[in-house]
């Protein structure tokens, strides 16, 4: 008689069944662990955008001197022909409105 074939008595069938159940449990456990890790990573990513807006107020607004320097740069670009008069006026108005 073959140890793995059908035969009388308890034989290897219970062992094969146990191996199948154990292998299935192992695969299911690994899949669950991967799903848990993916969920944890997703939660971390969702938390990060909430922390980033706090960093924005740290950026300093341009000072008056910096805005005036930008207007001077715009004037130089206008004189060189890189900007039209209307483009210069629009950008100048935006900078002056921020003062």
Protein backbone atom coordinates (compact mmCIF):
# COMPACT_ATOMS: atom_id res chain seq x y z
CA UNK A 1 0.00 0.00 0.00
CA UNK A 2 1.10 3.52 -0.77
CA UNK A 3 1.44 5.86 2.23
CA UNK A 4 -0.32 8.64 0.30
CA UNK A 5 -2.99 6.69 -1.53
CA UNK A 6 -6.40 5.64 -0.36
CA UNK A 7 -6.25 2.77 1.98
CA UNK A 8 -7.72 1.36 5.10
CA UNK A 9 -7.10 2.98 8.42
CA UNK A 10 -6.32 6.52 9.48
CA UNK A 11 -3.21 6.73 7.26
CA UNK A 12 -1.84 10.02 5.97
CA UNK A 13 -5.13 11.69 5.00
CA UNK A 14 -5.50 13.48 8.35
CA UNK A 15 -1.91 14.66 7.99
CA UNK A 16 -2.55 15.96 4.49
CA UNK A 17 -5.71 17.68 5.67
CA UNK A 18 -3.82 19.28 8.55
CA UNK A 19 -1.11 20.44 6.15
CA UNK A 20 -3.73 22.00 3.87
CA UNK A 21 -5.46 23.76 6.75
CA UNK A 22 -2.15 24.94 8.17
CA UNK A 23 -0.97 26.22 4.78
CA UNK A 24 -4.24 28.06 4.23
CA UNK A 25 -4.01 29.65 7.67
CA UNK A 26 -0.44 30.73 6.96
CA UNK A 27 -1.38 32.38 3.67
CA UNK A 28 -4.41 34.06 5.25
CA UNK A 29 -2.26 35.35 8.10
CA UNK A 30 0.26 36.87 5.71
CA UNK A 31 -2.50 38.50 3.68
CA UNK A 32 -3.98 39.95 6.87
CA UNK A 33 -0.60 41.30 7.92
CA UNK A 34 -0.12 42.95 4.54
CA UNK A 35 -3.60 44.49 4.71
CA UNK A 36 -2.88 45.77 8.22
CA UNK A 37 0.41 47.31 7.12
CA UNK A 38 -1.26 48.95 4.12
CA UNK A 39 -4.01 50.37 6.34
CA UNK A 40 -1.46 51.75 8.81
CA UNK A 41 0.48 53.39 5.98
CA UNK A 42 -2.71 54.93 4.61
CA UNK A 43 -3.53 56.35 8.03
CA UNK A 44 -0.06 57.91 8.27
CA UNK A 45 -0.50 59.49 4.84
CA UNK A 46 -3.88 60.90 5.86
CA UNK A 47 -2.32 62.43 8.98
CA UNK A 48 0.55 64.10 7.11
CA UNK A 49 -1.55 66.63 5.14
CA UNK A 50 -3.01 67.80 8.44
CA UNK A 51 0.48 68.57 9.71
CA UNK A 52 1.70 70.36 6.57
CA UNK A 53 -0.55 73.46 6.78
CA UNK A 54 1.13 74.30 10.08
CA UNK A 55 4.39 74.79 8.16
CA UNK A 56 2.92 77.43 5.82
CA UNK A 57 2.68 80.28 8.37
CA UNK A 58 6.43 79.96 8.95
CA UNK A 59 7.07 81.34 5.46
CA UNK A 60 7.66 85.06 5.91
CA UNK A 61 5.67 87.48 3.78
CA UNK A 62 7.78 89.69 1.53
CA UNK A 63 8.79 92.91 3.24
CA UNK A 64 8.15 96.35 1.80
CA UNK A 65 11.75 96.57 0.63
CA UNK A 66 11.45 93.24 -1.18
CA UNK A 67 8.25 94.31 -2.90
CA UNK A 68 9.86 97.58 -4.00
CA UNK A 69 12.81 95.59 -5.34
CA UNK A 70 10.35 93.42 -7.30
CA UNK A 71 8.76 96.54 -8.78
CA UNK A 72 12.22 97.80 -9.78
CA UNK A 73 12.91 94.45 -11.43
CA UNK A 74 9.61 94.66 -13.29
CA UNK A 75 10.53 98.20 -14.46
CA UNK A 76 13.88 96.94 -15.74
CA UNK A 77 12.10 94.15 -17.63
CA UNK A 78 9.70 96.71 -19.08
CA UNK A 79 12.61 98.90 -20.24
CA UNK A 80 14.32 95.87 -21.80
CA UNK A 81 11.15 94.95 -23.67
CA UNK A 82 10.51 91.68 -21.85
CA UNK A 83 7.21 93.01 -20.47
CA UNK A 84 4.49 95.08 -22.05
CA UNK A 85 3.21 98.20 -20.34
CA UNK A 86 -0.06 96.46 -19.40
CA UNK A 87 1.79 93.47 -17.90
CA UNK A 88 3.99 95.82 -15.90
CA UNK A 89 0.99 97.81 -14.65
CA UNK A 90 -0.89 94.66 -13.63
CA UNK A 91 2.03 93.21 -11.66
CA UNK A 92 2.81 96.58 -10.10
CA UNK A 93 -0.80 96.95 -8.92
CA UNK A 94 -0.74 93.48 -7.37
CA UNK A 95 2.45 94.26 -5.46
CA UNK A 96 1.20 97.65 -4.28
CA UNK A 97 -2.10 96.15 -3.13
CA UNK A 98 -0.16 93.79 -0.85
CA UNK A 99 1.58 96.67 0.94
